[in-house]
Amino acid sequence: MGESTTDGEPRLDDDTPFEDELRKDEDRKDEVRERREARERRASGESGGEQGAPHTGVGRFMRTMGHLRSVYGPAAHRDPLEAEAHGHNPEDVKNSEELDGIDIQTDSEGHHYGVRREPGSEPREG
């Protein structure tokens, strides 16, 4: 009577193909759930590890800066007392000369406007 149950139906062994498929489906569901949870933790910024771990945002930034420093060398700092190496931009010189020929005036309502000075005249106050 080892091959049937009391009601006459065949007994299912633990290792039947049907149960194996169910077990595989459950394993797949667990794997999918674990991957989804890991993806959600990464998206929300939870590292799951200790603070300062290499995969955190600050750690990633510092590691990138270290790589850049090894490629390009340390940042070069110039002496602030040293004169600037570049000359004056001709466009800036032209603009400042144009602005030197304009007087700023204010009307009775407090509006400011510019009036072009006549060539050879002195700048006016006010």
N, C-alpha and C. Protein backbone atom coordinates (compact mmCIF):
# COMPACT_ATOMS: atom_id res chain seq x y z
N MET A 1 0.80 -1.18 0.00
CA MET A 1 0.00 0.00 0.00
C MET A 1 0.85 1.26 0.00
N GLY A 2 2.06 1.13 -0.37
CA GLY A 2 2.96 2.26 -0.37
C GLY A 2 2.79 3.16 -1.58
N GLU A 3 2.15 2.70 -2.61
CA GLU A 3 2.05 3.48 -3.84
C GLU A 3 0.74 4.25 -3.98
N SER A 4 -0.21 4.12 -3.05
CA SER A 4 -1.46 4.85 -3.18
C SER A 4 -1.88 5.39 -1.82
N THR A 5 -2.79 6.34 -1.88
CA THR A 5 -3.33 6.91 -0.65
C THR A 5 -4.50 6.06 -0.21
N THR A 6 -5.13 6.40 0.87
CA THR A 6 -6.24 5.61 1.39
C THR A 6 -7.47 5.65 0.50
N ASP A 7 -7.61 6.72 -0.33
CA ASP A 7 -8.79 6.79 -1.18
C ASP A 7 -8.53 6.21 -2.57
N GLY A 8 -7.38 5.58 -2.77
CA GLY A 8 -7.11 4.90 -4.01
C GLY A 8 -6.37 5.70 -5.05
N GLU A 9 -6.08 7.00 -4.82
CA GLU A 9 -5.36 7.81 -5.80
C GLU A 9 -3.86 7.63 -5.60
N PRO A 10 -3.10 7.74 -6.69
CA PRO A 10 -1.65 7.56 -6.55
C PRO A 10 -1.04 8.68 -5.69
N ARG A 11 -0.05 8.32 -4.92
CA ARG A 11 0.61 9.29 -4.04
C ARG A 11 1.66 10.06 -4.84
N LEU A 12 1.71 11.39 -4.64
CA LEU A 12 2.70 12.22 -5.31
C LEU A 12 3.96 12.29 -4.46
N ASP A 13 5.07 11.94 -5.05
CA ASP A 13 6.34 12.05 -4.34
C ASP A 13 6.74 13.51 -4.24
N ASP A 14 7.68 13.81 -3.35
CA ASP A 14 8.15 15.19 -3.17
C ASP A 14 8.88 15.70 -4.41
N ASP A 15 9.46 14.83 -5.19
CA ASP A 15 10.27 15.23 -6.33
C ASP A 15 9.55 15.07 -7.66
N THR A 16 8.25 15.24 -7.67
CA THR A 16 7.52 15.14 -8.93
C THR A 16 7.84 16.34 -9.79
N PRO A 17 7.74 16.24 -11.11
CA PRO A 17 8.02 17.36 -12.00
C PRO A 17 7.16 18.58 -11.70
N PHE A 18 5.93 18.36 -11.28
CA PHE A 18 5.04 19.48 -10.99
C PHE A 18 5.58 20.31 -9.82
N GLU A 19 6.00 19.66 -8.75
CA GLU A 19 6.52 20.38 -7.58
C GLU A 19 7.86 21.04 -7.90
N ASP A 20 8.66 20.41 -8.75
CA ASP A 20 9.92 21.03 -9.16
C ASP A 20 9.66 22.35 -9.89
N GLU A 21 8.66 22.35 -10.77
CA GLU A 21 8.31 23.57 -11.48
C GLU A 21 7.81 24.65 -10.53
N LEU A 22 7.00 24.27 -9.56
CA LEU A 22 6.52 25.24 -8.57
C LEU A 22 7.69 25.84 -7.79
N ARG A 23 8.64 24.99 -7.38
CA ARG A 23 9.80 25.45 -6.64
C ARG A 23 10.64 26.41 -7.49
N LYS A 24 10.81 26.09 -8.78
CA LYS A 24 11.57 26.96 -9.68
C LYS A 24 10.87 28.31 -9.85
N ASP A 25 9.53 28.29 -9.99
CA ASP A 25 8.78 29.53 -10.12
C ASP A 25 8.96 30.41 -8.88
N GLU A 26 8.90 29.80 -7.70
CA GLU A 26 9.09 30.56 -6.47
C GLU A 26 10.50 31.14 -6.39
N ASP A 27 11.50 30.37 -6.81
CA ASP A 27 12.88 30.86 -6.80
C ASP A 27 13.03 32.04 -7.76
N ARG A 28 12.42 31.93 -8.93
CA ARG A 28 12.48 33.04 -9.89
C ARG A 28 11.81 34.29 -9.34
N LYS A 29 10.67 34.12 -8.69
CA LYS A 29 9.97 35.25 -8.10
C LYS A 29 10.83 35.92 -7.03
N ASP A 30 11.51 35.11 -6.22
CA ASP A 30 12.39 35.67 -5.19
C ASP A 30 13.54 36.44 -5.82
N GLU A 31 14.13 35.90 -6.87
CA GLU A 31 15.24 36.60 -7.54
C GLU A 31 14.77 37.94 -8.12
N VAL A 32 13.61 37.92 -8.77
CA VAL A 32 13.08 39.15 -9.35
C VAL A 32 12.80 40.17 -8.25
N ARG A 33 12.22 39.73 -7.13
CA ARG A 33 11.91 40.62 -6.02
C ARG A 33 13.20 41.22 -5.44
N GLU A 34 14.24 40.40 -5.28
CA GLU A 34 15.51 40.90 -4.75
C GLU A 34 16.15 41.92 -5.68
N ARG A 35 16.12 41.64 -7.00
CA ARG A 35 16.69 42.60 -7.96
C ARG A 35 15.91 43.91 -7.94
N ARG A 36 14.58 43.85 -7.87
CA ARG A 36 13.75 45.05 -7.84
C ARG A 36 14.05 45.87 -6.58
N GLU A 37 14.15 45.21 -5.44
CA GLU A 37 14.45 45.92 -4.19
C GLU A 37 15.82 46.58 -4.25
N ALA A 38 16.81 45.89 -4.81
CA ALA A 38 18.15 46.46 -4.93
C ALA A 38 18.13 47.67 -5.85
N ARG A 39 17.39 47.59 -6.95
CA ARG A 39 17.29 48.71 -7.89
C ARG A 39 16.61 49.90 -7.21
N GLU A 40 15.56 49.66 -6.42
CA GLU A 40 14.87 50.74 -5.71
C GLU A 40 15.77 51.37 -4.66
N ARG A 41 16.58 50.56 -3.96
CA ARG A 41 17.52 51.11 -2.99
C ARG A 41 18.54 52.02 -3.67
N ARG A 42 19.05 51.58 -4.83
CA ARG A 42 20.03 52.41 -5.56
C ARG A 42 19.39 53.70 -6.02
N ALA A 43 18.16 53.64 -6.51
CA ALA A 43 17.48 54.84 -7.01
C ALA A 43 17.17 55.82 -5.89
N SER A 44 16.88 55.32 -4.70
CA SER A 44 16.55 56.22 -3.60
C SER A 44 17.78 56.71 -2.86
N GLY A 45 18.96 56.22 -3.21
CA GLY A 45 20.19 56.68 -2.59
C GLY A 45 20.60 55.90 -1.37
N GLU A 46 19.84 54.90 -1.01
CA GLU A 46 20.23 54.07 0.13
C GLU A 46 21.36 53.16 -0.30
N SER A 47 22.49 53.31 0.35
CA SER A 47 23.63 52.50 -0.05
C SER A 47 23.57 51.12 0.56
N GLY A 48 22.97 51.02 1.74
CA GLY A 48 22.92 49.72 2.39
C GLY A 48 24.23 49.39 3.06
N GLY A 49 25.25 50.19 2.85
CA GLY A 49 26.55 49.94 3.46
C GLY A 49 26.88 51.03 4.45
N GLU A 50 28.12 51.08 4.86
CA GLU A 50 28.53 52.08 5.82
C GLU A 50 28.72 53.43 5.13
N GLN A 51 28.67 54.49 5.94
CA GLN A 51 28.86 55.84 5.40
C GLN A 51 30.27 55.98 4.85
N GLY A 52 30.41 56.71 3.75
CA GLY A 52 31.71 56.91 3.15
C GLY A 52 32.16 55.76 2.28
N ALA A 53 31.26 54.82 2.03
CA ALA A 53 31.61 53.70 1.16
C ALA A 53 31.88 54.23 -0.24
N PRO A 54 32.71 53.57 -1.03
CA PRO A 54 33.09 54.10 -2.34
C PRO A 54 31.93 54.31 -3.30
N HIS A 55 30.80 53.67 -3.09
CA HIS A 55 29.70 53.80 -4.03
C HIS A 55 28.74 54.93 -3.66
N THR A 56 29.02 55.67 -2.57
CA THR A 56 28.16 56.80 -2.24
C THR A 56 28.51 57.97 -3.14
N GLY A 57 27.65 58.99 -3.17
CA GLY A 57 27.86 60.13 -4.05
C GLY A 57 29.17 60.86 -3.79
N VAL A 58 29.47 61.13 -2.52
CA VAL A 58 30.70 61.84 -2.19
C VAL A 58 31.91 60.97 -2.53
N GLY A 59 31.81 59.70 -2.21
CA GLY A 59 32.92 58.80 -2.52
C GLY A 59 33.18 58.71 -4.01
N ARG A 60 32.11 58.68 -4.79
CA ARG A 60 32.25 58.62 -6.25
C ARG A 60 32.92 59.90 -6.76
N PHE A 61 32.51 61.06 -6.21
CA PHE A 61 33.11 62.33 -6.62
C PHE A 61 34.59 62.38 -6.27
N MET A 62 34.93 61.98 -5.05
CA MET A 62 36.33 62.03 -4.63
C MET A 62 37.19 61.07 -5.46
N ARG A 63 36.65 59.91 -5.77
CA ARG A 63 37.40 58.95 -6.59
C ARG A 63 37.64 59.51 -7.99
N THR A 64 36.60 60.16 -8.56
CA THR A 64 36.75 60.77 -9.89
C THR A 64 37.79 61.88 -9.86
N MET A 65 37.77 62.71 -8.83
CA MET A 65 38.76 63.79 -8.73
C MET A 65 40.16 63.22 -8.58
N GLY A 66 40.30 62.11 -7.86
CA GLY A 66 41.61 61.47 -7.72
C GLY A 66 42.12 60.98 -9.06
N HIS A 67 41.23 60.41 -9.86
CA HIS A 67 41.63 59.95 -11.20
C HIS A 67 42.06 61.13 -12.07
N LEU A 68 41.28 62.21 -12.02
CA LEU A 68 41.63 63.39 -12.81
C LEU A 68 42.97 63.97 -12.37
N ARG A 69 43.22 63.99 -11.05
CA ARG A 69 44.48 64.52 -10.54
C ARG A 69 45.65 63.67 -11.00
N SER A 70 45.43 62.36 -11.07
CA SER A 70 46.52 61.49 -11.51
C SER A 70 46.81 61.66 -13.00
N VAL A 71 45.80 62.05 -13.78
CA VAL A 71 46.00 62.26 -15.21
C VAL A 71 46.56 63.65 -15.49
N TYR A 72 45.95 64.70 -14.91
CA TYR A 72 46.32 66.07 -15.24
C TYR A 72 47.26 66.72 -14.23
N GLY A 73 47.47 66.09 -13.10
CA GLY A 73 48.32 66.69 -12.07
C GLY A 73 47.50 67.58 -11.16
N PRO A 74 48.13 68.09 -10.09
CA PRO A 74 47.40 68.93 -9.15
C PRO A 74 47.02 70.27 -9.79
N ALA A 75 46.04 70.93 -9.17
CA ALA A 75 45.60 72.23 -9.67
C ALA A 75 46.75 73.23 -9.54
N ALA A 76 46.95 74.03 -10.56
CA ALA A 76 48.00 75.04 -10.54
C ALA A 76 47.42 76.34 -9.98
N HIS A 77 48.08 76.90 -8.98
CA HIS A 77 47.63 78.16 -8.39
C HIS A 77 48.66 79.22 -8.74
N ARG A 78 48.21 80.35 -9.25
CA ARG A 78 49.15 81.40 -9.60
C ARG A 78 49.27 82.36 -8.43
N ASP A 79 50.34 83.10 -8.42
CA ASP A 79 50.59 84.09 -7.38
C ASP A 79 49.68 85.29 -7.62
N PRO A 80 48.86 85.68 -6.64
CA PRO A 80 47.94 86.80 -6.87
C PRO A 80 48.66 88.14 -7.05
N LEU A 81 49.90 88.23 -6.58
CA LEU A 81 50.65 89.49 -6.74
C LEU A 81 51.27 89.61 -8.13
N GLU A 82 51.32 88.49 -8.82
CA GLU A 82 51.91 88.48 -10.17
C GLU A 82 50.97 89.20 -11.14
N ALA A 83 51.57 89.98 -12.06
CA ALA A 83 50.76 90.71 -13.04
C ALA A 83 50.08 89.72 -13.98
N GLU A 84 48.93 90.09 -14.48
CA GLU A 84 48.21 89.20 -15.38
C GLU A 84 48.94 89.11 -16.70
N ALA A 85 48.93 87.93 -17.29
CA ALA A 85 49.71 87.69 -18.50
C ALA A 85 49.03 88.25 -19.75
N HIS A 86 47.73 88.43 -19.72
CA HIS A 86 47.04 88.88 -20.94
C HIS A 86 46.96 90.40 -20.98
N GLY A 87 46.86 90.93 -22.17
CA GLY A 87 46.74 92.38 -22.34
C GLY A 87 45.28 92.78 -22.30
N HIS A 88 45.02 94.03 -22.61
CA HIS A 88 43.64 94.51 -22.62
C HIS A 88 42.95 94.07 -23.90
N ASN A 89 41.72 93.69 -23.73
CA ASN A 89 40.89 93.29 -24.87
C ASN A 89 40.52 94.55 -25.65
N PRO A 90 40.80 94.62 -26.95
CA PRO A 90 40.47 95.82 -27.72
C PRO A 90 38.99 96.18 -27.66
N GLU A 91 38.14 95.19 -27.56
CA GLU A 91 36.70 95.44 -27.50
C GLU A 91 36.35 96.14 -26.18
N ASP A 92 36.99 95.72 -25.09
CA ASP A 92 36.74 96.37 -23.79
C ASP A 92 37.24 97.81 -23.79
N VAL A 93 38.39 98.05 -24.39
CA VAL A 93 38.93 99.41 -24.47
C VAL A 93 37.99 100.30 -25.26
N LYS A 94 37.47 99.80 -26.36
CA LYS A 94 36.54 100.57 -27.20
C LYS A 94 35.27 100.91 -26.42
N ASN A 95 34.73 99.92 -25.68
CA ASN A 95 33.51 100.15 -24.91
C ASN A 95 33.73 101.18 -23.82
N SER A 96 34.86 101.11 -23.12
CA SER A 96 35.10 102.06 -22.04
C SER A 96 35.29 103.47 -22.60
N GLU A 97 35.89 103.62 -23.77
CA GLU A 97 36.03 104.94 -24.39
C GLU A 97 34.67 105.51 -24.78
N GLU A 98 33.78 104.64 -25.27
CA GLU A 98 32.44 105.10 -25.62
C GLU A 98 31.68 105.54 -24.37
N LEU A 99 31.81 104.80 -23.28
CA LEU A 99 31.10 105.15 -22.05
C LEU A 99 31.67 106.40 -21.41
N ASP A 100 32.95 106.68 -21.63
CA ASP A 100 33.53 107.91 -21.09
C ASP A 100 32.90 109.14 -21.72
N GLY A 101 32.34 109.03 -22.91
CA GLY A 101 31.73 110.17 -23.61
C GLY A 101 30.25 110.33 -23.31
N ILE A 102 29.72 109.67 -22.28
CA ILE A 102 28.30 109.75 -21.96
C ILE A 102 28.13 110.22 -20.52
N ASP A 103 27.26 111.22 -20.33
CA ASP A 103 26.90 111.70 -19.00
C ASP A 103 25.58 111.06 -18.59
N ILE A 104 25.48 110.67 -17.34
CA ILE A 104 24.23 110.09 -16.83
C ILE A 104 23.46 111.20 -16.13
N GLN A 105 22.20 111.38 -16.53
CA GLN A 105 21.37 112.42 -15.93
C GLN A 105 20.11 111.79 -15.36
N THR A 106 19.52 112.51 -14.40
CA THR A 106 18.31 112.03 -13.74
C THR A 106 17.23 113.09 -13.91
N ASP A 107 16.03 112.66 -14.33
CA ASP A 107 14.95 113.63 -14.49
C ASP A 107 14.20 113.81 -13.17
N SER A 108 13.13 114.62 -13.18
CA SER A 108 12.41 114.95 -11.94
C SER A 108 11.69 113.75 -11.34
N GLU A 109 11.42 112.73 -12.13
CA GLU A 109 10.74 111.54 -11.62
C GLU A 109 11.72 110.46 -11.15
N GLY A 110 13.01 110.72 -11.28
CA GLY A 110 14.01 109.78 -10.80
C GLY A 110 14.52 108.81 -11.84
N HIS A 111 14.12 108.99 -13.11
CA HIS A 111 14.59 108.11 -14.17
C HIS A 111 15.99 108.53 -14.61
N HIS A 112 16.85 107.55 -14.84
CA HIS A 112 18.22 107.82 -15.27
C HIS A 112 18.32 107.59 -16.78
N TYR A 113 19.09 108.44 -17.43
CA TYR A 113 19.33 108.27 -18.86
C TYR A 113 20.68 108.86 -19.20
N GLY A 114 21.23 108.43 -20.32
CA GLY A 114 22.54 108.89 -20.74
C GLY A 114 22.44 109.92 -21.85
N VAL A 115 23.30 110.94 -21.76
CA VAL A 115 23.35 111.98 -22.79
C VAL A 115 24.78 112.01 -23.30
N ARG A 116 24.92 111.91 -24.63
CA ARG A 116 26.26 111.92 -25.23
C ARG A 116 26.86 113.31 -25.08
N ARG A 117 28.08 113.32 -24.61
CA ARG A 117 28.81 114.57 -24.40
C ARG A 117 29.35 115.06 -25.74
N GLU A 118 29.40 116.36 -25.89
CA GLU A 118 29.98 116.93 -27.11
C GLU A 118 31.49 116.73 -27.06
N PRO A 119 32.11 116.43 -28.21
CA PRO A 119 33.56 116.22 -28.21
C PRO A 119 34.28 117.44 -27.66
N GLY A 120 35.27 117.22 -26.79
CA GLY A 120 36.07 118.27 -26.22
C GLY A 120 35.49 118.92 -24.98
N SER A 121 34.27 118.58 -24.57
CA SER A 121 33.69 119.19 -23.37
C SER A 121 34.06 118.37 -22.14
N GLU A 122 34.00 119.02 -20.99
CA GLU A 122 34.32 118.37 -19.72
C GLU A 122 33.12 117.57 -19.22
N PRO A 123 33.36 116.49 -18.47
CA PRO A 123 32.23 115.72 -17.89
C PRO A 123 31.46 116.58 -16.89
N ARG A 124 30.14 116.44 -16.92
CA ARG A 124 29.28 117.20 -16.01
C ARG A 124 28.99 116.38 -14.77
N GLU A 125 28.75 117.04 -13.68
CA GLU A 125 28.37 116.39 -12.42
C GLU A 125 26.87 116.35 -12.33
N GLY A 126 26.31 115.21 -11.89
CA GLY A 126 24.86 115.15 -11.63
C GLY A 126 24.15 114.73 -12.80
